Amino acid sequence: MGRLLPQDMESLDNPKILSLLHDAYMSCEEDNDEDIVVVTESQNTIYIQTVKKVYMVKLFSFFRLKEGSDRTEILQLVNLLNHQVIFSRFSMPKDDVLLSEYFLSYKGGLDPYQLINSLRLFEKITWAALRLIIPKRLYPLDTVCSGKNGK
């Protein structure tokens, strides 16, 4: 699939994104929430959504924190992540869930390489940042939540 041209922006949808990902030999599918779920070669899970009204593709991953983790400590670490990692934004949508997200604009078109490269960069930076900044006692990194709300 070639570049998504500006006149095609309104028609960017999950089947087109899935086609781009399959062309790059990535393991992916659409889930019940209409998110695209990508399982990387490293077995990390990344979700993709299109935000059509602002011409953005959202890449995001959830990480479950250990039950009973100190919320104040986690919020301080989230602030540290946001200060030191400018590629993605980190937040806590729930007391036991850490969210990392990145938005990619497709206004003016979208090159498949741009999407695939951004997805790979998002994975590399997010997981490296978590391993460097969040103490292991607060989360099991191999536990990834699913769905839009980190359930």
N, C-alpha and C. Protein backbone atom coordinates (compact mmCIF):
# COMPACT_ATOMS: atom_id res chain seq x y z
N MET A 1 0.84 -1.17 0.00
CA MET A 1 0.00 0.00 0.00
C MET A 1 0.89 1.23 0.00
N GLY A 2 0.59 2.19 -0.82
CA GLY A 2 1.38 3.41 -0.93
C GLY A 2 0.97 4.45 0.08
N ARG A 3 1.53 5.60 -0.08
CA ARG A 3 1.27 6.72 0.81
C ARG A 3 -0.21 7.09 0.81
N LEU A 4 -0.74 7.39 2.00
CA LEU A 4 -2.11 7.87 2.12
C LEU A 4 -2.07 9.36 1.79
N LEU A 5 -2.71 9.75 0.72
CA LEU A 5 -2.66 11.13 0.25
C LEU A 5 -3.65 11.99 1.02
N PRO A 6 -3.42 13.32 1.05
CA PRO A 6 -4.30 14.21 1.81
C PRO A 6 -5.78 14.05 1.47
N GLN A 7 -6.13 13.82 0.22
CA GLN A 7 -7.53 13.68 -0.14
C GLN A 7 -8.14 12.38 0.39
N ASP A 8 -7.29 11.45 0.87
CA ASP A 8 -7.76 10.18 1.41
C ASP A 8 -7.85 10.17 2.93
N MET A 9 -7.55 11.31 3.57
CA MET A 9 -7.47 11.34 5.02
C MET A 9 -8.77 10.93 5.69
N GLU A 10 -9.89 11.33 5.14
CA GLU A 10 -11.18 11.00 5.74
C GLU A 10 -11.43 9.49 5.75
N SER A 11 -10.78 8.78 4.85
CA SER A 11 -11.07 7.35 4.72
C SER A 11 -10.06 6.46 5.47
N LEU A 12 -9.17 7.05 6.27
CA LEU A 12 -8.25 6.21 7.04
C LEU A 12 -9.07 5.43 8.07
N ASP A 13 -8.98 4.12 8.00
CA ASP A 13 -9.76 3.30 8.90
C ASP A 13 -8.93 2.08 9.31
N ASN A 14 -9.49 1.27 10.18
CA ASN A 14 -8.76 0.09 10.67
C ASN A 14 -8.35 -0.88 9.58
N PRO A 15 -9.22 -1.19 8.60
CA PRO A 15 -8.76 -2.09 7.54
C PRO A 15 -7.51 -1.58 6.80
N LYS A 16 -7.44 -0.27 6.56
CA LYS A 16 -6.26 0.28 5.88
C LYS A 16 -5.02 0.17 6.77
N ILE A 17 -5.18 0.47 8.06
CA ILE A 17 -4.03 0.36 8.97
C ILE A 17 -3.62 -1.09 9.11
N LEU A 18 -4.59 -1.99 9.25
CA LEU A 18 -4.26 -3.41 9.33
C LEU A 18 -3.50 -3.88 8.08
N SER A 19 -3.90 -3.39 6.92
CA SER A 19 -3.21 -3.74 5.68
C SER A 19 -1.76 -3.26 5.70
N LEU A 20 -1.53 -2.03 6.18
CA LEU A 20 -0.17 -1.51 6.29
C LEU A 20 0.67 -2.38 7.23
N LEU A 21 0.08 -2.75 8.36
CA LEU A 21 0.81 -3.56 9.34
C LEU A 21 1.08 -4.97 8.82
N HIS A 22 0.09 -5.56 8.15
CA HIS A 22 0.30 -6.89 7.57
C HIS A 22 1.38 -6.85 6.49
N ASP A 23 1.40 -5.77 5.69
CA ASP A 23 2.44 -5.62 4.66
C ASP A 23 3.84 -5.57 5.28
N ALA A 24 3.91 -5.11 6.54
CA ALA A 24 5.19 -5.05 7.26
C ALA A 24 5.42 -6.31 8.10
N TYR A 25 4.60 -7.35 7.87
CA TYR A 25 4.71 -8.63 8.55
C TYR A 25 4.57 -8.51 10.06
N MET A 26 3.66 -7.64 10.50
CA MET A 26 3.41 -7.46 11.92
C MET A 26 2.17 -8.26 12.33
N SER A 27 2.22 -8.84 13.50
CA SER A 27 1.10 -9.60 14.04
C SER A 27 0.08 -8.61 14.62
N CYS A 28 -1.12 -8.58 14.04
CA CYS A 28 -2.11 -7.61 14.49
C CYS A 28 -3.51 -8.08 14.18
N GLU A 29 -4.46 -7.52 14.91
CA GLU A 29 -5.88 -7.80 14.70
C GLU A 29 -6.70 -6.69 15.32
N GLU A 30 -7.97 -6.65 14.99
CA GLU A 30 -8.88 -5.68 15.58
C GLU A 30 -9.58 -6.35 16.75
N ASP A 31 -9.67 -5.65 17.91
CA ASP A 31 -10.33 -6.24 19.06
C ASP A 31 -11.79 -5.79 19.15
N ASN A 32 -12.47 -6.18 20.21
CA ASN A 32 -13.89 -5.87 20.39
C ASN A 32 -14.16 -4.37 20.56
N ASP A 33 -13.15 -3.62 21.02
CA ASP A 33 -13.28 -2.17 21.21
C ASP A 33 -12.96 -1.40 19.94
N GLU A 34 -12.71 -2.12 18.84
CA GLU A 34 -12.30 -1.55 17.56
C GLU A 34 -10.92 -0.90 17.61
N ASP A 35 -10.10 -1.33 18.57
CA ASP A 35 -8.69 -0.95 18.59
C ASP A 35 -7.96 -1.97 17.74
N ILE A 36 -6.85 -1.55 17.16
CA ILE A 36 -5.96 -2.50 16.51
C ILE A 36 -4.95 -2.94 17.56
N VAL A 37 -4.79 -4.22 17.71
CA VAL A 37 -3.87 -4.78 18.70
C VAL A 37 -2.68 -5.35 17.95
N VAL A 38 -1.50 -4.82 18.25
CA VAL A 38 -0.26 -5.27 17.62
C VAL A 38 0.56 -5.99 18.68
N VAL A 39 0.97 -7.20 18.39
CA VAL A 39 1.89 -7.93 19.26
C VAL A 39 3.23 -7.93 18.53
N THR A 40 4.21 -7.29 19.13
CA THR A 40 5.51 -7.12 18.48
C THR A 40 6.34 -8.39 18.57
N GLU A 41 7.47 -8.38 17.89
CA GLU A 41 8.38 -9.53 17.93
C GLU A 41 8.85 -9.81 19.34
N SER A 42 8.91 -8.76 20.18
CA SER A 42 9.32 -8.91 21.59
C SER A 42 8.16 -9.31 22.49
N GLN A 43 7.00 -9.59 21.87
CA GLN A 43 5.77 -9.98 22.58
C GLN A 43 5.18 -8.85 23.42
N ASN A 44 5.47 -7.61 23.06
CA ASN A 44 4.84 -6.46 23.70
C ASN A 44 3.56 -6.13 22.95
N THR A 45 2.57 -5.61 23.67
CA THR A 45 1.29 -5.29 23.07
C THR A 45 1.13 -3.78 22.94
N ILE A 46 0.81 -3.35 21.74
CA ILE A 46 0.57 -1.93 21.45
C ILE A 46 -0.78 -1.83 20.77
N TYR A 47 -1.57 -0.86 21.21
CA TYR A 47 -2.89 -0.63 20.63
C TYR A 47 -2.83 0.59 19.72
N ILE A 48 -3.66 0.58 18.69
CA ILE A 48 -3.72 1.69 17.75
C ILE A 48 -5.18 2.10 17.57
N GLN A 49 -5.43 3.41 17.62
CA GLN A 49 -6.74 3.99 17.33
C GLN A 49 -6.56 5.14 16.37
N THR A 50 -7.56 5.40 15.54
CA THR A 50 -7.55 6.64 14.74
C THR A 50 -8.48 7.63 15.42
N VAL A 51 -8.01 8.86 15.52
CA VAL A 51 -8.81 9.96 16.06
C VAL A 51 -9.09 10.87 14.87
N LYS A 52 -10.16 10.55 14.16
CA LYS A 52 -10.42 11.16 12.85
C LYS A 52 -10.66 12.66 12.89
N LYS A 53 -11.31 13.16 13.93
CA LYS A 53 -11.65 14.59 13.93
C LYS A 53 -10.42 15.49 14.01
N VAL A 54 -9.28 14.95 14.46
CA VAL A 54 -8.05 15.75 14.51
C VAL A 54 -6.93 15.12 13.67
N TYR A 55 -7.27 14.12 12.84
CA TYR A 55 -6.31 13.47 11.94
C TYR A 55 -5.08 12.94 12.67
N MET A 56 -5.33 12.14 13.70
CA MET A 56 -4.25 11.58 14.49
C MET A 56 -4.41 10.07 14.60
N VAL A 57 -3.28 9.39 14.65
CA VAL A 57 -3.24 7.97 14.98
C VAL A 57 -2.65 7.91 16.38
N LYS A 58 -3.34 7.21 17.27
CA LYS A 58 -2.90 7.09 18.66
C LYS A 58 -2.31 5.71 18.88
N LEU A 59 -1.08 5.66 19.37
CA LEU A 59 -0.42 4.42 19.77
C LEU A 59 -0.40 4.42 21.29
N PHE A 60 -0.78 3.30 21.91
CA PHE A 60 -0.77 3.28 23.36
C PHE A 60 -0.60 1.87 23.90
N SER A 61 -0.08 1.82 25.14
CA SER A 61 0.10 0.56 25.86
C SER A 61 -0.24 0.78 27.33
N PHE A 62 -0.79 -0.26 27.94
CA PHE A 62 -1.13 -0.25 29.36
C PHE A 62 -0.21 -1.20 30.11
N PHE A 63 0.11 -0.85 31.35
CA PHE A 63 0.92 -1.70 32.21
C PHE A 63 0.27 -1.76 33.58
N ARG A 64 0.00 -2.96 34.04
CA ARG A 64 -0.62 -3.12 35.35
C ARG A 64 0.44 -2.98 36.43
N LEU A 65 0.15 -2.15 37.43
CA LEU A 65 1.04 -1.97 38.57
C LEU A 65 0.64 -2.97 39.66
N LYS A 66 1.58 -3.28 40.53
CA LYS A 66 1.27 -4.21 41.61
C LYS A 66 0.22 -3.59 42.52
N GLU A 67 -0.68 -4.44 42.97
CA GLU A 67 -1.74 -4.00 43.86
C GLU A 67 -1.14 -3.43 45.13
N GLY A 68 -1.69 -2.30 45.58
CA GLY A 68 -1.21 -1.68 46.80
C GLY A 68 0.00 -0.77 46.61
N SER A 69 0.39 -0.51 45.37
CA SER A 69 1.51 0.40 45.12
C SER A 69 1.15 1.80 45.61
N ASP A 70 2.13 2.51 46.11
CA ASP A 70 1.93 3.86 46.64
C ASP A 70 1.62 4.83 45.50
N ARG A 71 0.39 5.35 45.48
CA ARG A 71 -0.05 6.24 44.39
C ARG A 71 0.83 7.48 44.28
N THR A 72 1.21 8.06 45.40
CA THR A 72 2.06 9.26 45.38
C THR A 72 3.40 8.97 44.73
N GLU A 73 3.99 7.84 45.09
CA GLU A 73 5.28 7.45 44.49
C GLU A 73 5.13 7.23 42.99
N ILE A 74 4.05 6.54 42.59
CA ILE A 74 3.84 6.28 41.17
C ILE A 74 3.66 7.60 40.41
N LEU A 75 2.87 8.51 40.95
CA LEU A 75 2.66 9.80 40.28
C LEU A 75 3.97 10.57 40.15
N GLN A 76 4.83 10.51 41.15
CA GLN A 76 6.14 11.15 41.05
C GLN A 76 6.97 10.52 39.94
N LEU A 77 6.90 9.20 39.82
CA LEU A 77 7.63 8.50 38.76
C LEU A 77 7.04 8.82 37.38
N VAL A 78 5.72 8.95 37.31
CA VAL A 78 5.07 9.33 36.05
C VAL A 78 5.54 10.73 35.64
N ASN A 79 5.61 11.64 36.59
CA ASN A 79 6.12 12.99 36.29
C ASN A 79 7.56 12.93 35.81
N LEU A 80 8.37 12.08 36.42
CA LEU A 80 9.76 11.91 35.99
C LEU A 80 9.82 11.35 34.57
N LEU A 81 8.98 10.35 34.28
CA LEU A 81 8.92 9.81 32.92
C LEU A 81 8.56 10.90 31.92
N ASN A 82 7.55 11.70 32.23
CA ASN A 82 7.12 12.75 31.31
C ASN A 82 8.18 13.84 31.15
N HIS A 83 8.98 14.04 32.18
CA HIS A 83 10.04 15.04 32.10
C HIS A 83 11.22 14.53 31.27
N GLN A 84 11.51 13.24 31.37
CA GLN A 84 12.71 12.70 30.72
C GLN A 84 12.44 12.03 29.38
N VAL A 85 11.22 11.63 29.11
CA VAL A 85 10.90 10.93 27.88
C VAL A 85 9.92 11.79 27.09
N ILE A 86 10.41 12.49 26.08
CA ILE A 86 9.53 13.41 25.36
C ILE A 86 8.80 12.77 24.19
N PHE A 87 9.11 11.53 23.88
CA PHE A 87 8.46 10.88 22.74
C PHE A 87 7.02 10.49 23.05
N SER A 88 6.76 10.00 24.26
CA SER A 88 5.41 9.57 24.61
C SER A 88 5.00 10.19 25.93
N ARG A 89 3.68 10.15 26.17
CA ARG A 89 3.12 10.72 27.39
C ARG A 89 2.68 9.57 28.30
N PHE A 90 3.01 9.70 29.57
CA PHE A 90 2.66 8.69 30.56
C PHE A 90 1.60 9.26 31.49
N SER A 91 0.68 8.39 31.92
CA SER A 91 -0.36 8.80 32.87
C SER A 91 -0.86 7.58 33.63
N MET A 92 -1.72 7.85 34.63
CA MET A 92 -2.33 6.78 35.43
C MET A 92 -3.84 6.90 35.31
N PRO A 93 -4.47 6.20 34.36
CA PRO A 93 -5.93 6.28 34.24
C PRO A 93 -6.66 5.62 35.41
N LYS A 94 -5.98 4.71 36.10
CA LYS A 94 -6.51 4.02 37.28
C LYS A 94 -5.36 3.88 38.27
N ASP A 95 -5.69 3.61 39.53
CA ASP A 95 -4.66 3.49 40.56
C ASP A 95 -3.64 2.39 40.28
N ASP A 96 -4.05 1.36 39.56
CA ASP A 96 -3.14 0.24 39.33
C ASP A 96 -2.73 0.09 37.86
N VAL A 97 -2.91 1.15 37.07
CA VAL A 97 -2.60 1.07 35.64
C VAL A 97 -1.76 2.27 35.21
N LEU A 98 -0.70 1.99 34.48
CA LEU A 98 0.15 3.01 33.87
C LEU A 98 -0.10 2.98 32.37
N LEU A 99 -0.29 4.14 31.77
CA LEU A 99 -0.58 4.26 30.35
C LEU A 99 0.53 5.05 29.68
N SER A 100 0.99 4.56 28.54
CA SER A 100 1.92 5.30 27.70
C SER A 100 1.23 5.50 26.35
N GLU A 101 1.29 6.74 25.83
CA GLU A 101 0.62 7.01 24.56
C GLU A 101 1.42 8.01 23.73
N TYR A 102 1.25 7.86 22.42
CA TYR A 102 1.91 8.72 21.44
C TYR A 102 0.91 9.01 20.33
N PHE A 103 0.88 10.25 19.87
CA PHE A 103 -0.03 10.63 18.79
C PHE A 103 0.77 10.99 17.54
N LEU A 104 0.35 10.44 16.42
CA LEU A 104 1.00 10.64 15.13
C LEU A 104 0.01 11.33 14.20
N SER A 105 0.36 12.50 13.72
CA SER A 105 -0.53 13.23 12.82
C SER A 105 -0.50 12.62 11.41
N TYR A 106 -1.68 12.51 10.82
CA TYR A 106 -1.72 12.09 9.42
C TYR A 106 -2.34 13.16 8.54
N LYS A 107 -2.40 14.39 9.06
CA LYS A 107 -2.88 15.50 8.24
C LYS A 107 -1.82 15.77 7.18
N GLY A 108 -2.22 15.81 5.94
CA GLY A 108 -1.27 15.98 4.85
C GLY A 108 -0.80 14.66 4.28
N GLY A 109 -1.31 13.56 4.83
CA GLY A 109 -0.95 12.25 4.31
C GLY A 109 -0.20 11.43 5.34
N LEU A 110 -0.07 10.16 5.06
CA LEU A 110 0.62 9.24 5.95
C LEU A 110 1.40 8.25 5.12
N ASP A 111 2.68 8.21 5.33
CA ASP A 111 3.53 7.25 4.67
C ASP A 111 3.56 5.98 5.52
N PRO A 112 3.41 4.80 4.92
CA PRO A 112 3.45 3.56 5.71
C PRO A 112 4.70 3.45 6.57
N TYR A 113 5.84 3.88 6.03
CA TYR A 113 7.08 3.83 6.80
C TYR A 113 6.96 4.66 8.07
N GLN A 114 6.30 5.81 7.98
CA GLN A 114 6.12 6.69 9.13
C GLN A 114 5.35 5.97 10.24
N LEU A 115 4.30 5.26 9.90
CA LEU A 115 3.52 4.54 10.89
C LEU A 115 4.32 3.39 11.50
N ILE A 116 4.93 2.58 10.68
CA ILE A 116 5.68 1.41 11.16
C ILE A 116 6.87 1.86 11.99
N ASN A 117 7.60 2.85 11.53
CA ASN A 117 8.76 3.35 12.27
C ASN A 117 8.34 3.95 13.60
N SER A 118 7.25 4.71 13.61
CA SER A 118 6.76 5.30 14.86
C SER A 118 6.34 4.22 15.85
N LEU A 119 5.70 3.18 15.36
CA LEU A 119 5.28 2.08 16.23
C LEU A 119 6.50 1.40 16.86
N ARG A 120 7.50 1.14 16.07
CA ARG A 120 8.72 0.49 16.58
C ARG A 120 9.46 1.39 17.56
N LEU A 121 9.52 2.68 17.25
CA LEU A 121 10.17 3.64 18.14
C LEU A 121 9.39 3.77 19.45
N PHE A 122 8.07 3.80 19.36
CA PHE A 122 7.23 3.86 20.56
C PHE A 122 7.52 2.67 21.47
N GLU A 123 7.57 1.49 20.89
CA GLU A 123 7.87 0.29 21.69
C GLU A 123 9.23 0.41 22.35
N LYS A 124 10.23 0.72 21.58
CA LYS A 124 11.60 0.78 22.09
C LYS A 124 11.74 1.80 23.22
N ILE A 125 11.22 2.99 23.02
CA ILE A 125 11.37 4.06 24.01
C ILE A 125 10.52 3.79 25.25
N THR A 126 9.28 3.36 25.06
CA THR A 126 8.40 3.13 26.21
C THR A 126 8.95 2.05 27.13
N TRP A 127 9.31 0.90 26.57
CA TRP A 127 9.79 -0.18 27.41
C TRP A 127 11.14 0.15 28.05
N ALA A 128 12.01 0.83 27.34
CA ALA A 128 13.30 1.22 27.92
C ALA A 128 13.09 2.21 29.07
N ALA A 129 12.21 3.18 28.88
CA ALA A 129 11.94 4.16 29.93
C ALA A 129 11.37 3.50 31.18
N LEU A 130 10.44 2.58 30.98
CA LEU A 130 9.87 1.89 32.14
C LEU A 130 10.92 1.10 32.90
N ARG A 131 11.76 0.40 32.17
CA ARG A 131 12.80 -0.40 32.82
C ARG A 131 13.82 0.46 33.55
N LEU A 132 14.08 1.66 33.05
CA LEU A 132 15.07 2.54 33.66
C LEU A 132 14.52 3.32 34.85
N ILE A 133 13.25 3.69 34.81
CA ILE A 133 12.73 4.64 35.80
C ILE A 133 11.80 4.01 36.84
N ILE A 134 10.95 3.08 36.44
CA ILE A 134 10.00 2.49 37.39
C ILE A 134 10.66 1.30 38.09
N PRO A 135 10.72 1.32 39.43
CA PRO A 135 11.33 0.18 40.15
C PRO A 135 10.55 -1.11 39.90
N LYS A 136 11.26 -2.21 39.77
CA LYS A 136 10.62 -3.50 39.47
C LYS A 136 9.62 -3.93 40.54
N ARG A 137 9.79 -3.45 41.77
CA ARG A 137 8.89 -3.86 42.83
C ARG A 137 7.47 -3.33 42.64
N LEU A 138 7.31 -2.37 41.70
CA LEU A 138 6.00 -1.75 41.49
C LEU A 138 5.19 -2.38 40.38
N TYR A 139 5.81 -3.18 39.54
CA TYR A 139 5.04 -3.73 38.43
C TYR A 139 5.68 -5.01 37.92
N PRO A 140 4.85 -5.89 37.37
CA PRO A 140 5.38 -7.00 36.59
C PRO A 140 5.32 -6.59 35.12
N LEU A 141 6.45 -6.27 34.52
CA LEU A 141 6.46 -5.73 33.15
C LEU A 141 5.83 -6.65 32.12
N ASP A 142 5.78 -7.94 32.42
CA ASP A 142 5.22 -8.86 31.44
C ASP A 142 3.68 -8.88 31.48
N THR A 143 3.08 -8.15 32.43
CA THR A 143 1.62 -8.09 32.52
C THR A 143 1.13 -6.84 31.81
N VAL A 144 0.43 -7.02 30.72
CA VAL A 144 -0.08 -5.90 29.96
C VAL A 144 -1.60 -5.96 30.00
N CYS A 145 -2.22 -4.82 30.28
CA CYS A 145 -3.68 -4.75 30.32
C CYS A 145 -4.20 -4.71 28.90
N SER A 146 -5.48 -4.94 28.76
CA SER A 146 -6.09 -4.87 27.43
C SER A 146 -7.24 -3.89 27.44
N GLY A 147 -7.60 -3.43 26.29
CA GLY A 147 -8.77 -2.57 26.13
C GLY A 147 -8.47 -1.11 26.36
N LYS A 148 -9.45 -0.27 26.02
CA LYS A 148 -9.31 1.17 26.08
C LYS A 148 -9.10 1.69 27.49
N ASN A 149 -9.66 1.03 28.47
CA ASN A 149 -9.64 1.55 29.82
C ASN A 149 -8.69 0.82 30.75
N GLY A 150 -7.82 0.02 30.20
CA GLY A 150 -6.85 -0.69 31.01
C GLY A 150 -7.45 -1.79 31.86
N LYS A 151 -8.49 -2.42 31.38
CA LYS A 151 -9.15 -3.49 32.14
C LYS A 151 -8.38 -4.79 31.99
